Amino acid sequence: MDALTGSAPGRAFVVTAVVAAVLAAATCSRAGAWWVAYAPPLVVAPVTAVAEGLSGGAAEGHGKGFATAAVHWAVNAFPAMAAAEAALLAVLAARWIRSRRTTRRNGA
């Protein structure tokens, strides 16, 4: 939605990244949690770069123009990355605490 207005990925992108991270953390296996924990930056960064490129925010050519555009993409992607990572870690921590309590109750 934000790409249609010509602005950088904004609130809709952040909300989507957070929802995706929460769903991934809630449904992953215990062993898969290690893989999911590192996913938000690896997913959000390329999505931001593609969104910027499609909205005309990409610099043409190579060199300094491309480096400047890459820094711009990283700055635009950071709020979504940070929010998604924080939500993901909160869900994983809640799952870990719940599993510890269940283990103690069962006496194992």
Protein backbone atom coordinates (compact mmCIF):
# COMPACT_ATOMS: atom_id res chain seq x y z
CA MET A 1 0.00 0.00 0.00
CA ASP A 2 2.79 2.40 0.88
CA ALA A 3 4.58 1.63 -2.40
CA LEU A 4 1.57 2.98 -4.28
CA THR A 5 1.98 6.38 -2.65
CA GLY A 6 5.65 6.50 -3.61
CA SER A 7 6.90 6.52 -0.02
CA ALA A 8 9.21 4.05 1.61
CA PRO A 9 7.67 0.91 3.08
CA GLY A 10 5.84 2.13 6.16
CA ARG A 11 3.30 1.00 8.72
CA ALA A 12 1.64 -1.62 6.55
CA PHE A 13 5.02 -3.22 5.92
CA VAL A 14 5.95 -3.16 9.61
CA VAL A 15 2.62 -4.72 10.61
CA THR A 16 2.96 -7.40 7.94
CA ALA A 17 6.51 -8.22 9.02
CA VAL A 18 5.45 -8.46 12.69
CA VAL A 19 2.46 -10.70 11.92
CA ALA A 20 4.61 -12.98 9.76
CA ALA A 21 7.29 -13.21 12.44
CA VAL A 22 4.75 -14.00 15.17
CA LEU A 23 3.15 -16.71 13.03
CA ALA A 24 6.54 -18.21 12.23
CA ALA A 25 7.58 -18.22 15.88
CA ALA A 26 4.28 -19.68 17.03
CA THR A 27 4.25 -22.53 14.52
CA CYS A 28 7.91 -23.54 14.25
CA SER A 29 9.35 -26.62 15.89
CA ARG A 30 11.68 -26.32 18.84
CA ALA A 31 14.67 -27.08 16.61
CA GLY A 32 13.35 -24.68 13.97
CA ALA A 33 13.29 -21.81 16.45
CA TRP A 34 17.01 -21.27 15.89
CA TRP A 35 16.39 -20.80 12.18
CA VAL A 36 13.33 -18.61 12.63
CA ALA A 37 15.13 -16.32 15.09
CA TYR A 38 17.46 -15.10 12.33
CA ALA A 39 14.83 -14.76 9.60
CA PRO A 40 13.42 -11.20 9.96
CA PRO A 41 16.49 -9.31 8.70
CA LEU A 42 17.09 -11.88 5.96
CA VAL A 43 13.51 -11.54 4.74
CA VAL A 44 12.81 -7.85 5.34
CA ALA A 45 15.97 -6.51 3.68
CA PRO A 46 15.40 -8.05 0.22
CA VAL A 47 11.68 -7.27 0.33
CA THR A 48 12.51 -3.64 1.10
CA ALA A 49 15.06 -3.50 -1.72
CA VAL A 50 12.55 -4.91 -4.20
CA ALA A 51 9.82 -2.54 -3.00
CA GLU A 52 12.17 0.43 -3.31
CA GLY A 53 13.23 -0.71 -6.76
CA LEU A 54 9.65 -1.12 -7.97
CA SER A 55 8.61 2.25 -6.57
CA GLY A 56 11.40 4.03 -8.42
CA GLY A 57 13.62 4.50 -5.37
CA ALA A 58 16.48 2.50 -6.86
CA ALA A 59 19.57 4.30 -8.05
CA GLU A 60 20.55 3.71 -11.63
CA GLY A 61 24.00 2.40 -12.34
CA HIS A 62 26.70 1.31 -9.96
CA GLY A 63 29.15 2.78 -7.51
CA LYS A 64 28.26 5.62 -5.20
CA GLY A 65 24.65 5.85 -6.40
CA PHE A 66 24.02 2.20 -5.65
CA ALA A 67 25.79 2.40 -2.27
CA THR A 68 23.68 5.41 -1.30
CA ALA A 69 20.51 3.59 -2.34
CA ALA A 70 21.54 0.51 -0.32
CA VAL A 71 22.02 2.63 2.80
CA HIS A 72 18.63 4.24 2.18
CA TRP A 73 17.02 0.78 1.88
CA ALA A 74 18.66 -0.36 5.12
CA VAL A 75 17.38 2.71 6.98
CA ASN A 76 13.87 2.17 5.59
CA ALA A 77 13.92 -1.54 6.49
CA PHE A 78 15.19 -1.13 10.06
CA PRO A 79 11.85 -0.37 11.81
CA ALA A 80 10.24 -3.45 10.26
CA MET A 81 13.26 -5.61 11.05
CA ALA A 82 13.43 -4.45 14.66
CA ALA A 83 9.70 -4.79 15.30
CA ALA A 84 9.54 -8.23 13.69
CA GLU A 85 12.60 -9.45 15.59
CA ALA A 86 11.27 -8.14 18.93
CA ALA A 87 7.86 -9.78 18.38
CA LEU A 88 9.47 -13.02 17.29
CA LEU A 89 11.75 -13.16 20.31
CA ALA A 90 8.83 -12.39 22.64
CA VAL A 91 6.82 -15.31 21.22
CA LEU A 92 9.80 -17.66 21.41
CA ALA A 93 10.49 -16.59 25.00
CA ALA A 94 6.84 -17.16 25.94
CA ARG A 95 6.93 -20.61 24.35
CA TRP A 96 10.15 -21.45 26.22
CA ILE A 97 8.76 -20.29 29.56
CA ARG A 98 5.53 -22.23 29.00
CA SER A 99 7.45 -25.41 28.12
CA ARG A 100 9.59 -25.06 31.25
CA ARG A 101 6.48 -24.73 33.43
CA THR A 102 4.87 -27.74 31.78
CA THR A 103 8.03 -29.79 32.34
CA ARG A 104 8.12 -28.86 36.04
CA ARG A 105 4.46 -29.74 36.53
CA ASN A 106 4.96 -33.14 34.97
CA GLY A 107 7.94 -33.80 37.22
CA ALA A 108 10.29 -34.59 34.36
